[in-house]
Each structure stands twice: as C-alpha cells, then as structure tokens.
Amino acid sequence: MLNPLSLVSPWALRAALRDRLTFRAKLAAAFTALFFCAGAALLIFVTVLARQGTMEQFASITTDHTGGPTAPRPTSSTSSATGGPARPDPAASTWSRQQAEDARLARVEVTNRLQRTAVRQMVLWSAVGLAVMAVLSGAMGWWLAGRALRPVRKVILAARRMSEENLHERLQLTGPQDELRELGDTYDTMLDRLERSFTSQRRFVANASHELRTPLAAQRTSIEVGLADPLPAHLIPVREDLLVTNREAEHLIAALLLLARSDRGLDETKDTDLAELTRQAADELSSLAAEHTVVTAVHTTPLSVNGDPVLLKHLASNLVRNAIQYNHPQGTVTVRIDDARRLTVTNTGPRIDPTRVDGLFEPFRRLDRDRTAVHGHGLGLSIVRSIATAHGGTVTAAPGPAGGLRIEVRLPTTR
C-alpha cells in the first residue's frame, strides 16, 4: 500500500511547512540553522586536524622508540685460544631484533586504539555540545526575533484597534531611524490622512444637512400656500406629489444628520433600558406595519445600556422600520431581546443573496435598484451600525432560510 506522503514531492512539503511558520519562527529557525551549520563545519575541521595531528605525533613517537640501533643482548662467548675478544652469537641477535619488532607493533596497535578512542570521544561529546548549543541558540534566536519584531507587533495591534473612533491615536515609535522606525512613521502619516478625510466627510455631511433643511422647509411652505385650496382638479395631484417629494427630502436630510451625529460619537450617556425603547419604537411603527399588512411581535427582557437614549431609540426604530418595509404582504417581524444581551430583529421577505448582506450596511444601498427604490433611502442599516459602533457594540446580519433577514445587535452594559 502506497504511503500518501510518498506521493507529495519534498518541495511541496517544504513549501507547505514554510507557509505555516510565522516570520518569528522562520527567523529563529534561521538563527538555529546558521549556528548548527557553523558548529558542524567547525567540528569537522577540528576533528580532521586533530586526527591528522595525532597520527603524526604517534608516528614520531614510534620512530623515536624504534628507529635507533638495538643493542645486542649479551651472550656467553668462549675466548679464543689466543685470548682475543668473544664473538656474538647470531641466533641471539636475531631473537633480540624479533622482540624489538614485536614491541614496536604492539605500541603501534595501542597508539592506534588510543587515537581512535580519543577521536571518537571528541566527536561524541562535541556533537552533544553542538546539539545543546543549537537548542540554546534556537531559544535565544526566538527571544531576539521577538524583541526585533516588537515594533511590528505594535503596528499590528494598532491596526486592529483602528476605527473611525480612534483615528487620533498614533504609534510615535522611538529609537534609531531604521526600517522599523520608518514603518511606524509611515503608519502615523497614513492615520493623519485618514483622520483628515473622515473629519472632512463628517463636517460636509453635517453642514450640508443643516444648510438644506431651511430651503426645504421654505419650499414646503411655498407649496402649501401657493397651491392652497381651491385648486383646479388637475393641480391637486401635482401638489400632493410635490409635498411627498419634499417630505422624502426632509426625511433624507434628517437621516443624514442622524448619521453624522452618531459618527461623531457620544457626548453624554446615561443608563437606558433598551427594551423599553424598542417597545416604544414598535408601537410608533404599528400604523406602518398595518399599511404593509405585516404582523409585528415583540419579546423583550430588560436590557440596561449606558448610552444616548435618542440614538438608541433610532437604532431600534430603524431596525423595525427596515424589517417592515422590506417585507411581503402578510409577512411577520419578530423583535427579541434575550438574556444574552442581544437585540434581534427577524423578518420574512424575499430571499437575499448572502454575498450582498454586508453591502446593505453601506449608505444608499438597497436590495433592489440602488438609489431608485420607491421607498427608503438606503441609510437605515448604515445608521444602525454607526449607532451600535458609537456605543461599543457590533451588528451582524444573515439571510433567513426561507427569505428575509436576521439582524443581531450586541451592546455592552457600560462603556
């Protein structure tokens, strides 16, 4: 049976392993590998030189002990008849040389064994020391990599915290003017541009909304006075269309002002029962629900939230109004606040593509044709998210299995 791993190339395995390692782990592994390779090369170099040096030393010692003439072993001799010196015995001389050769071979064998033992012990303990130092160098590399990447970690945490509400925060890294300092300065510069852009956008929306409310009010008055009864029959529908258009424009301006206000954050807060505000919003929208033949059911438990009561009521009202308007006849809207501190609004309606859900929270986005719908301005869910964010909460949405939308708001107790 084939091993599945045998079907994968070593290059693919190495690439997969490389992709799973963090940069800090890669840096620590590089330190360890560099130390291990350098230590292994040094160990091989020292072992070869030590082996060669000991071989030369043992050879010189052997030569010193066996290279000189071997003194003949004294033997018994007989004096010549004339009283001359005694002659050496040839058999005794051969025996002495054999003994010297045997002794030399024994010394060579002993020195070879000593050499092999010494080299083996040196390699063994050097390898153990190399392994221990490699582990220590890996731990040291991990620590050094963490210290070197600390400014990068600071940038990552700041980027995760970044939102419209804390664009004023800056890293202000200190230290030498190196690559990491340049990264932090670049990040601070980017935040400066973003803060100016968001501030300019909020100021424009607020100022434009305020400036447009007065001419719209004057326009409505002119329509009501200039086209007051009695009117010819063909002008009555014109007057009604003008008044409806004017009223829609005023609602749009009010929604833009509310969005600008929630984007600025909260000035003053107090403990508020979100359940009571939600019931009030549902009661105020009962006529709208009756007009669309939609049944609204509210199930709440007390939920204390420290925030702006006006904005929180607008949050609940926008959720319920959106659930009523984007529904079908004889549909239902269920509003629930449970013990998990969740405000959930679920409605029936047409099926929604899950890929389009996130876009519904953008301004002037609707399920049907953008900016051409017969009702609504596409700001309801944008206002809901802005108010929830201002209170430190979150908003999530998901399409229902049979159609419609389920929107869940989570708000903390205190800020």
Protein backbone atom coordinates (compact mmCIF):
# COMPACT_ATOMS: atom_id res chain seq x y z
CA MET A 1 0.00 0.00 0.00
CA LEU A 2 1.38 3.36 -1.01
CA ASN A 3 2.11 5.95 1.62
CA PRO A 4 0.17 9.16 0.80
CA LEU A 5 3.18 11.22 1.84
CA SER A 6 5.29 9.46 -0.78
CA LEU A 7 3.09 10.97 -3.49
CA VAL A 8 3.94 14.50 -2.34
CA SER A 9 7.20 15.98 -3.53
CA PRO A 10 9.70 17.23 -0.93
CA TRP A 11 9.46 20.69 -2.49
CA ALA A 12 5.70 20.78 -1.88
CA LEU A 13 6.15 19.63 1.72
CA ARG A 14 8.79 22.26 2.34
CA ALA A 15 6.63 24.97 0.77
CA ALA A 16 3.63 23.92 2.90
CA LEU A 17 5.77 23.94 6.05
CA ARG A 18 7.21 27.33 5.15
CA ASP A 19 3.74 28.79 4.65
CA ARG A 20 2.58 27.55 8.07
CA LEU A 21 5.51 29.04 10.01
CA THR A 22 5.31 32.57 11.36
CA PHE A 23 8.00 35.09 10.49
CA ARG A 24 9.31 34.95 14.04
CA ALA A 25 9.58 31.15 13.85
CA LYS A 26 11.35 31.41 10.48
CA LEU A 27 13.81 33.93 11.91
CA ALA A 28 14.52 31.75 14.95
CA ALA A 29 14.92 28.68 12.69
CA ALA A 30 17.36 30.63 10.51
CA PHE A 31 19.44 31.53 13.59
CA THR A 32 19.45 27.90 14.71
CA ALA A 33 20.34 26.53 11.27
CA LEU A 34 23.15 29.06 10.85
CA PHE A 35 24.63 28.18 14.24
CA PHE A 36 24.26 24.45 13.63
CA CYS A 37 25.92 24.59 10.20
CA ALA A 38 28.77 26.75 11.51
CA GLY A 39 29.24 24.45 14.52
CA ALA A 40 29.16 21.30 12.36
CA ALA A 41 31.73 22.76 9.96
CA LEU A 42 33.96 23.71 12.90
CA LEU A 43 33.57 20.24 14.43
CA ILE A 44 34.54 18.52 11.16
CA PHE A 45 37.50 20.85 10.70
CA VAL A 46 38.79 20.28 14.25
CA THR A 47 38.26 16.52 14.02
CA VAL A 48 40.22 16.19 10.76
CA LEU A 49 43.09 18.32 12.05
CA ALA A 50 43.17 16.52 15.40
CA ARG A 51 43.21 13.13 13.72
CA GLN A 52 45.98 14.16 11.35
CA GLY A 53 48.00 15.75 14.17
CA THR A 54 47.71 12.73 16.47
CA MET A 55 48.72 10.40 13.64
CA GLU A 56 51.88 12.45 13.07
CA GLN A 57 52.67 12.59 16.79
CA PHE A 58 52.18 8.84 17.23
CA ALA A 59 54.35 8.19 14.19
CA SER A 60 57.16 10.34 15.59
CA ILE A 61 56.89 8.64 18.98
CA THR A 62 57.10 5.21 17.33
CA THR A 63 60.10 6.31 15.28
CA ASP A 64 61.88 7.61 18.36
CA HIS A 65 61.42 4.28 20.15
CA THR A 66 62.28 2.00 17.24
CA GLY A 67 64.42 3.99 14.83
CA GLY A 68 67.84 3.68 16.67
CA PRO A 69 70.14 0.67 16.70
CA THR A 70 69.13 -2.08 19.01
CA ALA A 71 71.84 -3.08 21.41
CA PRO A 72 72.70 -6.76 21.15
CA ARG A 73 71.76 -8.89 24.02
CA PRO A 74 74.85 -10.12 25.87
CA THR A 75 75.51 -13.79 25.30
CA SER A 76 78.06 -16.26 26.58
CA SER A 77 81.20 -16.49 24.47
CA THR A 78 84.35 -18.52 24.51
CA SER A 79 87.78 -16.99 24.43
CA SER A 80 89.97 -17.78 21.56
CA ALA A 81 92.92 -19.72 22.09
CA THR A 82 94.95 -16.59 21.73
CA GLY A 83 92.91 -14.69 24.32
CA GLY A 84 91.02 -12.41 21.76
CA PRO A 85 87.53 -10.92 22.28
CA ALA A 86 84.39 -13.09 22.28
CA ARG A 87 82.24 -13.24 19.05
CA PRO A 88 78.44 -12.56 19.23
CA ASP A 89 76.03 -15.34 18.80
CA PRO A 90 73.95 -14.87 15.51
CA ALA A 91 70.92 -16.70 16.91
CA ALA A 92 70.78 -14.43 19.96
CA SER A 93 70.96 -11.28 17.77
CA THR A 94 68.05 -12.44 15.58
CA TRP A 95 65.93 -13.14 18.65
CA SER A 96 66.61 -9.66 20.02
CA ARG A 97 65.53 -7.98 16.77
CA GLN A 98 62.32 -10.03 16.67
CA GLN A 99 61.46 -8.95 20.19
CA ALA A 100 62.06 -5.29 19.31
CA GLU A 101 59.80 -5.57 16.24
CA ASP A 102 57.05 -7.21 18.28
CA ALA A 103 57.28 -4.48 20.87
CA ARG A 104 57.06 -1.79 18.16
CA LEU A 105 53.98 -3.40 16.58
CA ALA A 106 52.33 -3.65 20.00
CA ARG A 107 53.00 0.05 20.64
CA VAL A 108 51.59 0.97 17.22
CA GLU A 109 48.42 -1.04 17.89
CA VAL A 110 48.00 0.57 21.29
CA THR A 111 48.52 4.07 19.89
CA ASN A 112 46.04 3.40 17.07
CA ARG A 113 43.43 2.28 19.56
CA LEU A 114 44.11 5.30 21.72
CA GLN A 115 43.81 7.55 18.70
CA ARG A 116 40.50 6.06 17.60
CA THR A 117 39.14 6.24 21.14
CA ALA A 118 40.25 9.83 21.58
CA VAL A 119 38.74 10.91 18.23
CA ARG A 120 35.51 9.01 18.90
CA GLN A 121 35.11 10.57 22.34
CA MET A 122 35.91 14.02 20.98
CA VAL A 123 33.33 13.67 18.18
CA LEU A 124 30.71 12.26 20.58
CA TRP A 125 30.97 14.97 23.20
CA SER A 126 31.41 17.69 20.62
CA ALA A 127 28.19 16.52 18.92
CA VAL A 128 26.37 16.56 22.27
CA GLY A 129 27.68 20.03 22.96
CA LEU A 130 26.69 21.15 19.46
CA ALA A 131 23.13 19.84 19.93
CA VAL A 132 22.79 21.56 23.32
CA MET A 133 24.12 24.83 21.95
CA ALA A 134 21.83 24.55 18.91
CA VAL A 135 18.81 24.31 21.21
CA LEU A 136 20.06 27.24 23.28
CA SER A 137 20.73 29.25 20.14
CA GLY A 138 17.19 28.48 18.92
CA ALA A 139 15.73 29.78 22.19
CA MET A 140 17.98 32.82 22.03
CA GLY A 141 17.02 33.38 18.39
CA TRP A 142 13.32 33.19 19.31
CA TRP A 143 13.84 35.79 22.03
CA LEU A 144 15.91 38.08 19.80
CA ALA A 145 13.36 37.77 16.99
CA GLY A 146 10.60 38.72 19.41
CA ARG A 147 12.50 41.82 20.53
CA ALA A 148 13.35 42.78 16.96
CA LEU A 149 9.72 42.39 15.84
CA ARG A 150 8.20 44.16 18.84
CA PRO A 151 7.66 47.42 16.90
CA VAL A 152 5.98 45.44 14.11
CA ARG A 153 3.71 43.80 16.70
CA LYS A 154 2.83 47.26 17.98
CA VAL A 155 1.85 48.34 14.47
CA ILE A 156 -0.31 45.21 14.06
CA LEU A 157 -2.17 45.78 17.33
CA ALA A 158 -2.74 49.43 16.46
CA ALA A 159 -4.08 48.48 13.03
CA ARG A 160 -6.52 46.02 14.63
CA ARG A 161 -7.78 48.68 17.02
CA MET A 162 -8.11 51.28 14.31
CA SER A 163 -11.60 52.52 13.56
CA GLU A 164 -13.33 55.79 12.88
CA GLU A 165 -13.46 56.46 16.61
CA ASN A 166 -9.72 56.24 17.39
CA LEU A 167 -8.05 57.69 14.31
CA HIS A 168 -6.37 60.21 16.61
CA GLU A 169 -4.11 57.53 18.13
CA ARG A 170 -0.50 57.42 16.92
CA LEU A 171 2.35 54.95 17.38
CA GLN A 172 5.14 57.51 17.84
CA LEU A 173 7.90 54.91 17.80
CA THR A 174 11.21 55.88 19.34
CA GLY A 175 14.70 54.65 18.66
CA PRO A 176 17.16 54.86 15.77
CA GLN A 177 15.98 55.93 12.34
CA ASP A 178 15.89 52.41 10.89
CA GLU A 179 13.40 50.41 8.80
CA LEU A 180 11.09 49.72 11.77
CA ARG A 181 11.02 53.38 12.75
CA GLU A 182 10.24 54.26 9.14
CA LEU A 183 7.37 51.74 9.15
CA GLY A 184 5.87 53.32 12.27
CA ASP A 185 6.23 56.85 10.87
CA THR A 186 4.58 55.77 7.62
CA TYR A 187 1.68 54.27 9.58
CA ASP A 188 1.24 57.51 11.57
CA THR A 189 1.24 59.51 8.35
CA MET A 190 -1.44 57.25 6.90
CA LEU A 191 -3.58 57.79 10.01
CA ASP A 192 -3.17 61.55 9.62
CA ARG A 193 -4.55 61.39 6.09
CA LEU A 194 -7.41 59.12 7.13
CA GLU A 195 -8.35 61.33 10.06
CA ARG A 196 -8.43 64.43 7.86
CA SER A 197 -10.52 62.58 5.29
CA PHE A 198 -13.09 61.31 7.81
CA THR A 199 -13.28 64.67 9.57
CA SER A 200 -13.86 66.44 6.28
CA GLN A 201 -16.55 63.94 5.31
CA ARG A 202 -18.41 64.27 8.61
CA ARG A 203 -18.21 68.05 8.50
CA PHE A 204 -19.53 68.12 4.96
CA VAL A 205 -22.48 65.85 5.76
CA ALA A 206 -23.42 67.80 8.88
CA ASN A 207 -23.07 71.23 7.24
CA ALA A 208 -24.85 70.19 4.04
CA SER A 209 -27.71 68.68 6.01
CA HIS A 210 -28.13 71.80 8.12
CA GLU A 211 -27.97 74.07 5.08
CA LEU A 212 -30.56 72.05 3.18
CA ARG A 213 -33.17 71.90 5.94
CA THR A 214 -34.03 75.60 5.73
CA PRO A 215 -34.69 75.77 1.95
CA LEU A 216 -36.70 72.55 2.13
CA ALA A 217 -38.89 73.98 4.89
CA ALA A 218 -39.36 77.16 2.87
CA GLN A 219 -40.19 75.08 -0.20
CA ARG A 220 -42.85 73.11 1.69
CA THR A 221 -44.42 76.33 2.96
CA SER A 222 -44.45 77.78 -0.55
CA ILE A 223 -46.13 74.68 -1.92
CA GLU A 224 -48.78 74.65 0.78
CA VAL A 225 -49.51 78.39 0.47
CA GLY A 226 -49.13 78.80 -3.28
CA LEU A 227 -51.16 75.71 -4.05
CA ALA A 228 -53.77 76.08 -1.34
CA ASP A 229 -57.38 75.22 -1.99
CA PRO A 230 -59.36 75.94 -4.03
CA LEU A 231 -57.27 74.47 -6.87
CA PRO A 232 -58.16 73.20 -10.28
CA ALA A 233 -58.60 69.43 -10.28
CA HIS A 234 -55.54 68.84 -12.48
CA LEU A 235 -53.24 70.66 -9.99
CA ILE A 236 -54.27 68.71 -6.89
CA PRO A 237 -52.16 65.59 -7.81
CA VAL A 238 -49.25 67.90 -8.62
CA ARG A 239 -49.44 69.49 -5.18
CA GLU A 240 -49.55 66.08 -3.48
CA ASP A 241 -46.54 64.85 -5.48
CA LEU A 242 -44.58 67.97 -4.57
CA LEU A 243 -45.42 67.59 -0.89
CA VAL A 244 -44.46 63.90 -0.90
CA THR A 245 -41.16 64.69 -2.63
CA ASN A 246 -40.47 67.47 -0.15
CA ARG A 247 -41.29 65.20 2.78
CA GLU A 248 -38.96 62.49 1.47
CA ALA A 249 -36.19 65.04 1.07
CA GLU A 250 -36.68 66.19 4.66
CA HIS A 251 -36.53 62.59 5.88
CA LEU A 252 -33.30 62.09 3.95
CA ILE A 253 -31.78 65.20 5.47
CA ALA A 254 -32.84 64.07 8.95
CA ALA A 255 -31.26 60.65 8.34
CA LEU A 256 -28.02 62.25 7.17
CA LEU A 257 -27.93 64.44 10.26
CA LEU A 258 -28.53 61.42 12.47
CA LEU A 259 -25.76 59.51 10.70
CA ALA A 260 -23.36 62.43 11.12
CA ARG A 261 -24.27 62.73 14.79
CA SER A 262 -23.69 59.04 15.53
CA ASP A 263 -20.41 59.10 13.60
CA ARG A 264 -19.12 61.86 15.90
CA GLY A 265 -19.55 59.56 18.90
CA LEU A 266 -21.37 60.10 22.18
CA ASP A 267 -21.19 63.36 24.10
CA GLU A 268 -23.32 62.40 27.12
CA THR A 269 -24.56 58.99 28.22
CA LYS A 270 -26.84 57.57 30.86
CA ASP A 271 -28.27 54.18 31.81
CA THR A 272 -31.17 53.35 29.50
CA ASP A 273 -33.50 50.38 29.17
CA LEU A 274 -33.16 49.34 25.54
CA ALA A 275 -36.16 47.01 25.85
CA GLU A 276 -38.47 49.92 26.71
CA LEU A 277 -37.13 52.00 23.82
CA THR A 278 -37.63 49.06 21.45
CA ARG A 279 -41.26 48.60 22.53
CA GLN A 280 -41.90 52.32 22.03
CA ALA A 281 -40.39 52.21 18.54
CA ALA A 282 -42.51 49.18 17.59
CA ASP A 283 -45.68 50.90 18.88
CA GLU A 284 -44.93 54.06 16.91
CA LEU A 285 -44.48 51.98 13.73
CA SER A 286 -47.68 49.97 14.18
CA SER A 287 -49.51 52.10 11.59
CA LEU A 288 -46.73 51.46 9.07
CA ALA A 289 -46.97 47.72 9.80
CA ALA A 290 -50.74 47.83 9.27
CA GLU A 291 -50.24 49.70 6.00
CA HIS A 292 -47.93 46.92 4.77
CA THR A 293 -50.14 44.20 6.32
CA VAL A 294 -47.20 42.98 8.41
CA VAL A 295 -47.60 41.46 11.88
CA THR A 296 -45.06 42.64 14.46
CA ALA A 297 -44.26 40.55 17.56
CA VAL A 298 -42.04 41.97 20.33
CA HIS A 299 -40.49 39.75 23.02
CA THR A 300 -38.14 41.62 25.35
CA THR A 301 -36.45 41.34 28.69
CA PRO A 302 -34.94 44.39 30.45
CA LEU A 303 -31.57 45.34 28.97
CA SER A 304 -29.71 48.22 30.60
CA VAL A 305 -27.31 50.06 28.28
CA ASN A 306 -25.16 53.07 29.13
CA GLY A 307 -25.61 55.33 26.12
CA ASP A 308 -27.57 58.02 24.32
CA PRO A 309 -31.33 57.29 24.62
CA VAL A 310 -32.19 59.25 21.46
CA LEU A 311 -29.67 57.36 19.33
CA LEU A 312 -30.63 54.01 20.85
CA LYS A 313 -34.28 54.61 20.05
CA HIS A 314 -33.34 55.49 16.48
CA LEU A 315 -31.38 52.23 16.32
CA ALA A 316 -34.42 50.17 17.31
CA SER A 317 -36.75 52.24 15.13
CA ASN A 318 -34.56 51.84 12.02
CA LEU A 319 -34.33 48.10 12.54
CA VAL A 320 -38.10 47.67 12.88
CA ARG A 321 -38.90 50.08 10.01
CA ASN A 322 -36.42 48.31 7.72
CA ALA A 323 -37.95 44.91 8.62
CA ILE A 324 -41.46 46.21 7.84
CA GLN A 325 -40.67 48.00 4.58
CA TYR A 326 -38.59 45.18 3.08
CA ASN A 327 -41.22 42.52 3.66
CA HIS A 328 -44.05 40.96 1.73
CA PRO A 329 -47.79 41.24 2.42
CA GLN A 330 -48.98 39.11 5.32
CA GLY A 331 -45.38 38.86 6.49
CA THR A 332 -44.06 38.91 10.04
CA VAL A 333 -41.47 40.86 12.02
CA THR A 334 -40.11 39.38 15.25
CA VAL A 335 -38.22 41.61 17.69
CA ARG A 336 -36.46 39.86 20.55
CA ILE A 337 -34.17 40.89 23.42
CA ASP A 338 -32.86 37.88 25.33
CA ASP A 339 -30.74 37.26 28.40
CA ALA A 340 -27.60 37.09 26.24
CA ARG A 341 -27.88 40.87 25.78
CA ARG A 342 -28.83 40.59 22.12
CA LEU A 343 -31.35 42.65 20.20
CA THR A 344 -32.51 40.53 17.26
CA VAL A 345 -34.91 41.60 14.52
CA THR A 346 -36.06 38.90 12.06
CA ASN A 347 -38.45 39.41 9.20
CA THR A 348 -39.94 37.46 6.33
CA GLY A 349 -39.47 38.62 2.79
CA PRO A 350 -37.66 37.83 -0.45
CA ARG A 351 -34.60 35.63 -0.46
CA ILE A 352 -31.34 37.52 -0.10
CA ASP A 353 -28.03 36.62 -1.69
CA PRO A 354 -25.56 36.07 1.22
CA THR A 355 -22.83 37.86 -0.74
CA ARG A 356 -24.89 41.07 -0.70
CA VAL A 357 -25.63 41.19 3.02
CA ASP A 358 -22.51 43.15 4.02
CA GLY A 359 -23.23 45.75 1.34
CA LEU A 360 -26.60 46.54 2.93
CA PHE A 361 -24.80 48.41 5.72
CA GLU A 362 -23.25 50.85 3.28
CA PRO A 363 -25.04 54.19 2.76
CA PHE A 364 -27.63 54.32 -0.05
CA ARG A 365 -27.54 50.56 -0.63
CA ARG A 366 -30.76 48.58 -1.01
CA LEU A 367 -31.81 45.10 -2.01
CA ASP A 368 -33.44 46.37 -5.18
CA ARG A 369 -32.10 49.02 -7.56
CA ASP A 370 -29.70 51.40 -5.84
CA ARG A 371 -30.97 54.96 -5.44
CA THR A 372 -34.17 54.19 -7.40
CA ALA A 373 -36.31 52.40 -4.84
CA VAL A 374 -39.84 53.56 -4.29
CA HIS A 375 -39.37 53.80 -0.52
CA GLY A 376 -36.45 54.33 1.83
CA HIS A 377 -33.10 55.96 1.24
CA GLY A 378 -30.76 53.09 2.00
CA LEU A 379 -29.49 54.73 5.20
CA GLY A 380 -31.37 52.70 7.82
CA LEU A 381 -28.81 49.95 8.38
CA SER A 382 -25.92 52.39 7.99
CA ILE A 383 -27.36 54.41 10.87
CA VAL A 384 -27.87 51.22 12.92
CA ARG A 385 -24.23 50.20 12.52
CA SER A 386 -22.98 53.72 13.24
CA ILE A 387 -25.04 53.96 16.46
CA ALA A 388 -24.00 50.49 17.59
CA THR A 389 -20.34 51.30 16.96
CA ALA A 390 -20.63 54.57 18.86
CA HIS A 391 -21.89 52.55 21.86
CA GLY A 392 -19.09 49.97 21.56
CA GLY A 393 -21.39 47.31 20.09
CA THR A 394 -21.49 45.18 16.96
CA VAL A 395 -24.07 44.43 14.29
CA THR A 396 -24.29 41.22 12.26
CA ALA A 397 -26.78 40.12 9.63
CA ALA A 398 -27.61 36.85 7.90
CA PRO A 399 -30.31 35.85 5.40
CA GLY A 400 -33.14 33.68 6.71
CA PRO A 401 -33.51 30.12 5.42
CA ALA A 402 -36.94 30.89 3.92
CA GLY A 403 -36.20 34.51 2.99
CA GLY A 404 -35.92 37.77 4.81
CA LEU A 405 -33.10 38.93 7.05
CA ARG A 406 -31.97 38.35 10.63
CA ILE A 407 -30.09 41.27 12.19
CA GLU A 408 -28.44 40.94 15.58
CA VAL A 409 -27.12 43.83 17.70
CA ARG A 410 -24.89 43.29 20.73
CA LEU A 411 -24.35 46.23 23.10
CA PRO A 412 -22.17 46.27 26.21
CA THR A 413 -23.51 47.25 29.61
CA THR A 414 -21.03 50.07 30.19
CA ARG A 415 -18.61 51.99 28.09
